[in-house]
Amino acid sequence: MKSIIILIIALIIHFQYRLWLGDASVSQISDYRQQLDELNKEAQEKKDRNDALYAEVLDLRRGLETIEERARYELGMIKENETFFQVLE
């Protein structure tokens, strides 16, 4: 009977050690959850960025209006027979 009690106590100590300090312990699982949350946040940010880039690509493929707009604002181009006014503040 004493040996069974000693065996049960040893098993309890072993499982408590694994729960608090061993592999897949409570603190390690908490760290993994925090890393997972950070990775999910980063993945969502990258997904949003990709969606915006994809929408821009679709706009560029659809027509010349988007290309013309980019040429005007980014390159300062104007159409032939068009007058350009620059307002300084």
N, C-alpha and C. Protein backbone atom coordinates (compact mmCIF):
# COMPACT_ATOMS: atom_id res chain seq x y z
N MET A 1 0.82 -1.19 0.00
CA MET A 1 0.00 0.00 0.00
C MET A 1 0.86 1.25 0.00
N LYS A 2 1.98 1.22 0.77
CA LYS A 2 2.88 2.36 0.81
C LYS A 2 3.49 2.62 -0.57
N SER A 3 3.80 1.57 -1.29
CA SER A 3 4.43 1.74 -2.60
C SER A 3 3.46 2.38 -3.59
N ILE A 4 2.19 2.07 -3.50
CA ILE A 4 1.19 2.69 -4.38
C ILE A 4 1.06 4.19 -4.08
N ILE A 5 1.06 4.54 -2.80
CA ILE A 5 0.97 5.94 -2.40
C ILE A 5 2.21 6.70 -2.87
N ILE A 6 3.38 6.09 -2.72
CA ILE A 6 4.63 6.72 -3.17
C ILE A 6 4.61 6.89 -4.69
N LEU A 7 4.11 5.89 -5.39
CA LEU A 7 4.01 5.96 -6.85
C LEU A 7 3.07 7.09 -7.28
N ILE A 8 1.93 7.20 -6.62
CA ILE A 8 0.96 8.26 -6.93
C ILE A 8 1.56 9.64 -6.65
N ILE A 9 2.25 9.80 -5.54
CA ILE A 9 2.89 11.07 -5.21
C ILE A 9 3.97 11.40 -6.23
N ALA A 10 4.74 10.40 -6.63
CA ALA A 10 5.79 10.63 -7.63
C ALA A 10 5.17 11.06 -8.97
N LEU A 11 4.07 10.42 -9.34
CA LEU A 11 3.40 10.80 -10.59
C LEU A 11 2.84 12.23 -10.50
N ILE A 12 2.28 12.59 -9.38
CA ILE A 12 1.75 13.94 -9.19
C ILE A 12 2.88 14.96 -9.29
N ILE A 13 4.00 14.69 -8.66
CA ILE A 13 5.15 15.59 -8.73
C ILE A 13 5.65 15.70 -10.16
N HIS A 14 5.71 14.57 -10.84
CA HIS A 14 6.17 14.57 -12.24
C HIS A 14 5.25 15.41 -13.12
N PHE A 15 3.96 15.21 -13.00
CA PHE A 15 3.01 15.95 -13.83
C PHE A 15 2.98 17.44 -13.47
N GLN A 16 3.12 17.76 -12.21
CA GLN A 16 3.17 19.17 -11.81
C GLN A 16 4.43 19.84 -12.37
N TYR A 17 5.54 19.14 -12.36
CA TYR A 17 6.77 19.67 -12.94
C TYR A 17 6.57 19.96 -14.43
N ARG A 18 5.99 19.00 -15.14
CA ARG A 18 5.77 19.19 -16.59
C ARG A 18 4.78 20.33 -16.85
N LEU A 19 3.79 20.46 -15.98
CA LEU A 19 2.79 21.50 -16.16
C LEU A 19 3.40 22.89 -16.00
N TRP A 20 4.24 23.11 -15.03
CA TRP A 20 4.75 24.43 -14.71
C TRP A 20 6.12 24.73 -15.31
N LEU A 21 6.97 23.70 -15.51
CA LEU A 21 8.34 23.97 -15.93
C LEU A 21 8.78 23.22 -17.19
N GLY A 22 8.13 22.16 -17.54
CA GLY A 22 8.58 21.31 -18.64
C GLY A 22 8.14 21.79 -20.01
N ASP A 23 8.25 20.89 -20.98
CA ASP A 23 7.80 21.19 -22.33
C ASP A 23 6.30 21.42 -22.33
N ALA A 24 5.88 22.41 -23.12
CA ALA A 24 4.46 22.78 -23.21
C ALA A 24 3.90 23.19 -21.85
N SER A 25 4.72 23.93 -21.10
CA SER A 25 4.27 24.41 -19.79
C SER A 25 3.32 25.59 -19.98
N VAL A 26 2.72 26.02 -18.91
CA VAL A 26 1.75 27.11 -18.95
C VAL A 26 2.39 28.39 -19.47
N SER A 27 3.57 28.72 -19.00
CA SER A 27 4.24 29.96 -19.45
C SER A 27 4.64 29.87 -20.92
N GLN A 28 5.08 28.70 -21.34
CA GLN A 28 5.47 28.52 -22.74
C GLN A 28 4.25 28.64 -23.67
N ILE A 29 3.14 28.10 -23.26
CA ILE A 29 1.91 28.21 -24.05
C ILE A 29 1.47 29.67 -24.13
N SER A 30 1.61 30.40 -23.04
CA SER A 30 1.28 31.83 -23.04
C SER A 30 2.17 32.59 -24.02
N ASP A 31 3.46 32.28 -24.03
CA ASP A 31 4.38 32.91 -24.97
C ASP A 31 3.99 32.59 -26.42
N TYR A 32 3.64 31.33 -26.67
CA TYR A 32 3.23 30.93 -28.01
C TYR A 32 1.96 31.66 -28.45
N ARG A 33 1.03 31.84 -27.55
CA ARG A 33 -0.20 32.57 -27.89
C ARG A 33 0.10 34.02 -28.23
N GLN A 34 1.02 34.64 -27.47
CA GLN A 34 1.40 36.02 -27.75
C GLN A 34 2.08 36.12 -29.11
N GLN A 35 2.98 35.19 -29.42
CA GLN A 35 3.63 35.19 -30.73
C GLN A 35 2.61 34.97 -31.85
N LEU A 36 1.66 34.11 -31.62
CA LEU A 36 0.62 33.85 -32.61
C LEU A 36 -0.22 35.10 -32.86
N ASP A 37 -0.56 35.82 -31.81
CA ASP A 37 -1.33 37.06 -31.96
C ASP A 37 -0.54 38.09 -32.77
N GLU A 38 0.77 38.21 -32.49
CA GLU A 38 1.60 39.15 -33.23
C GLU A 38 1.70 38.75 -34.70
N LEU A 39 1.85 37.46 -34.97
CA LEU A 39 1.92 36.99 -36.35
C LEU A 39 0.61 37.20 -37.08
N ASN A 40 -0.51 36.98 -36.40
CA ASN A 40 -1.81 37.22 -37.02
C ASN A 40 -2.00 38.70 -37.35
N LYS A 41 -1.56 39.57 -36.46
CA LYS A 41 -1.66 41.01 -36.70
C LYS A 41 -0.80 41.40 -37.90
N GLU A 42 0.42 40.89 -37.94
CA GLU A 42 1.32 41.18 -39.06
C GLU A 42 0.76 40.65 -40.38
N ALA A 43 0.19 39.44 -40.34
CA ALA A 43 -0.40 38.86 -41.54
C ALA A 43 -1.59 39.69 -42.02
N GLN A 44 -2.39 40.20 -41.11
CA GLN A 44 -3.54 41.02 -41.48
C GLN A 44 -3.08 42.33 -42.12
N GLU A 45 -2.02 42.93 -41.56
CA GLU A 45 -1.49 44.16 -42.13
C GLU A 45 -0.99 43.92 -43.56
N LYS A 46 -0.30 42.80 -43.75
CA LYS A 46 0.22 42.48 -45.08
C LYS A 46 -0.91 42.16 -46.05
N LYS A 47 -1.96 41.52 -45.55
CA LYS A 47 -3.11 41.22 -46.40
C LYS A 47 -3.80 42.51 -46.84
N ASP A 48 -3.95 43.46 -45.91
CA ASP A 48 -4.55 44.75 -46.26
C ASP A 48 -3.71 45.48 -47.30
N ARG A 49 -2.39 45.44 -47.13
CA ARG A 49 -1.49 46.08 -48.09
C ARG A 49 -1.60 45.41 -49.46
N ASN A 50 -1.63 44.09 -49.47
CA ASN A 50 -1.77 43.37 -50.74
C ASN A 50 -3.09 43.68 -51.42
N ASP A 51 -4.16 43.77 -50.64
CA ASP A 51 -5.47 44.11 -51.21
C ASP A 51 -5.45 45.49 -51.85
N ALA A 52 -4.79 46.45 -51.18
CA ALA A 52 -4.70 47.80 -51.74
C ALA A 52 -3.89 47.79 -53.03
N LEU A 53 -2.79 47.05 -53.04
CA LEU A 53 -1.97 46.96 -54.26
C LEU A 53 -2.73 46.27 -55.39
N TYR A 54 -3.49 45.25 -55.05
CA TYR A 54 -4.27 44.53 -56.05
C TYR A 54 -5.34 45.45 -56.65
N ALA A 55 -5.98 46.25 -55.82
CA ALA A 55 -6.98 47.19 -56.31
C ALA A 55 -6.34 48.22 -57.24
N GLU A 56 -5.13 48.66 -56.89
CA GLU A 56 -4.43 49.62 -57.73
C GLU A 56 -4.07 49.00 -59.09
N VAL A 57 -3.65 47.75 -59.07
CA VAL A 57 -3.33 47.04 -60.32
C VAL A 57 -4.58 46.92 -61.19
N LEU A 58 -5.70 46.58 -60.58
CA LEU A 58 -6.95 46.48 -61.34
C LEU A 58 -7.33 47.83 -61.97
N ASP A 59 -7.15 48.91 -61.21
CA ASP A 59 -7.43 50.24 -61.74
C ASP A 59 -6.54 50.55 -62.94
N LEU A 60 -5.27 50.18 -62.85
CA LEU A 60 -4.35 50.46 -63.94
C LEU A 60 -4.68 49.62 -65.17
N ARG A 61 -5.20 48.43 -64.98
CA ARG A 61 -5.55 47.57 -66.11
C ARG A 61 -6.85 48.00 -66.78
N ARG A 62 -7.74 48.63 -66.05
CA ARG A 62 -9.07 48.96 -66.57
C ARG A 62 -9.04 50.05 -67.62
N GLY A 63 -8.28 51.08 -67.38
CA GLY A 63 -8.37 52.17 -68.33
C GLY A 63 -7.20 53.11 -68.25
N LEU A 64 -7.26 54.07 -69.15
CA LEU A 64 -6.18 55.05 -69.24
C LEU A 64 -6.34 56.18 -68.24
N GLU A 65 -7.52 56.31 -67.64
CA GLU A 65 -7.75 57.40 -66.71
C GLU A 65 -6.81 57.32 -65.50
N THR A 66 -6.63 56.14 -64.99
CA THR A 66 -5.76 55.97 -63.82
C THR A 66 -4.31 56.25 -64.20
N ILE A 67 -3.91 55.78 -65.38
CA ILE A 67 -2.54 56.01 -65.83
C ILE A 67 -2.32 57.51 -66.04
N GLU A 68 -3.32 58.17 -66.65
CA GLU A 68 -3.22 59.60 -66.87
C GLU A 68 -3.13 60.36 -65.55
N GLU A 69 -3.93 59.95 -64.59
CA GLU A 69 -3.91 60.60 -63.27
C GLU A 69 -2.55 60.46 -62.60
N ARG A 70 -1.97 59.26 -62.67
CA ARG A 70 -0.65 59.06 -62.07
C ARG A 70 0.40 59.89 -62.80
N ALA A 71 0.31 59.95 -64.11
CA ALA A 71 1.28 60.74 -64.87
C ALA A 71 1.19 62.22 -64.49
N ARG A 72 -0.02 62.69 -64.27
CA ARG A 72 -0.20 64.09 -63.90
C ARG A 72 0.36 64.39 -62.52
N TYR A 73 0.01 63.58 -61.54
CA TYR A 73 0.39 63.89 -60.16
C TYR A 73 1.82 63.50 -59.82
N GLU A 74 2.28 62.39 -60.34
CA GLU A 74 3.61 61.93 -59.95
C GLU A 74 4.70 62.46 -60.88
N LEU A 75 4.39 62.66 -62.15
CA LEU A 75 5.41 63.09 -63.11
C LEU A 75 5.23 64.53 -63.58
N GLY A 76 4.10 65.13 -63.22
CA GLY A 76 3.86 66.52 -63.60
C GLY A 76 3.57 66.70 -65.08
N MET A 77 3.07 65.69 -65.74
CA MET A 77 2.78 65.76 -67.17
C MET A 77 1.45 66.46 -67.42
N ILE A 78 1.36 67.09 -68.58
CA ILE A 78 0.11 67.73 -68.99
C ILE A 78 -0.20 67.31 -70.42
N LYS A 79 -1.48 67.44 -70.80
CA LYS A 79 -1.90 67.08 -72.15
C LYS A 79 -1.50 68.16 -73.15
N GLU A 80 -1.53 67.77 -74.39
CA GLU A 80 -1.25 68.72 -75.44
C GLU A 80 -2.38 69.76 -75.50
N ASN A 81 -2.05 70.99 -75.74
CA ASN A 81 -3.00 72.11 -75.79
C ASN A 81 -3.72 72.32 -74.46
N GLU A 82 -3.03 72.05 -73.38
CA GLU A 82 -3.61 72.21 -72.05
C GLU A 82 -2.77 73.26 -71.32
N THR A 83 -3.41 74.07 -70.51
CA THR A 83 -2.69 75.09 -69.74
C THR A 83 -2.54 74.62 -68.31
N PHE A 84 -1.34 74.79 -67.77
CA PHE A 84 -1.05 74.35 -66.41
C PHE A 84 -0.93 75.58 -65.51
N PHE A 85 -1.67 75.57 -64.43
CA PHE A 85 -1.60 76.65 -63.44
C PHE A 85 -1.09 76.06 -62.14
N GLN A 86 -0.10 76.71 -61.56
CA GLN A 86 0.43 76.28 -60.27
C GLN A 86 0.12 77.36 -59.24
N VAL A 87 -0.53 76.96 -58.18
CA VAL A 87 -0.92 77.91 -57.13
C VAL A 87 0.05 77.74 -55.97
N LEU A 88 0.73 78.79 -55.62
CA LEU A 88 1.66 78.79 -54.50
C LEU A 88 0.98 79.41 -53.29
N GLU A 89 1.14 78.83 -52.19
CA GLU A 89 0.54 79.35 -50.96
C GLU A 89 1.54 80.05 -50.10
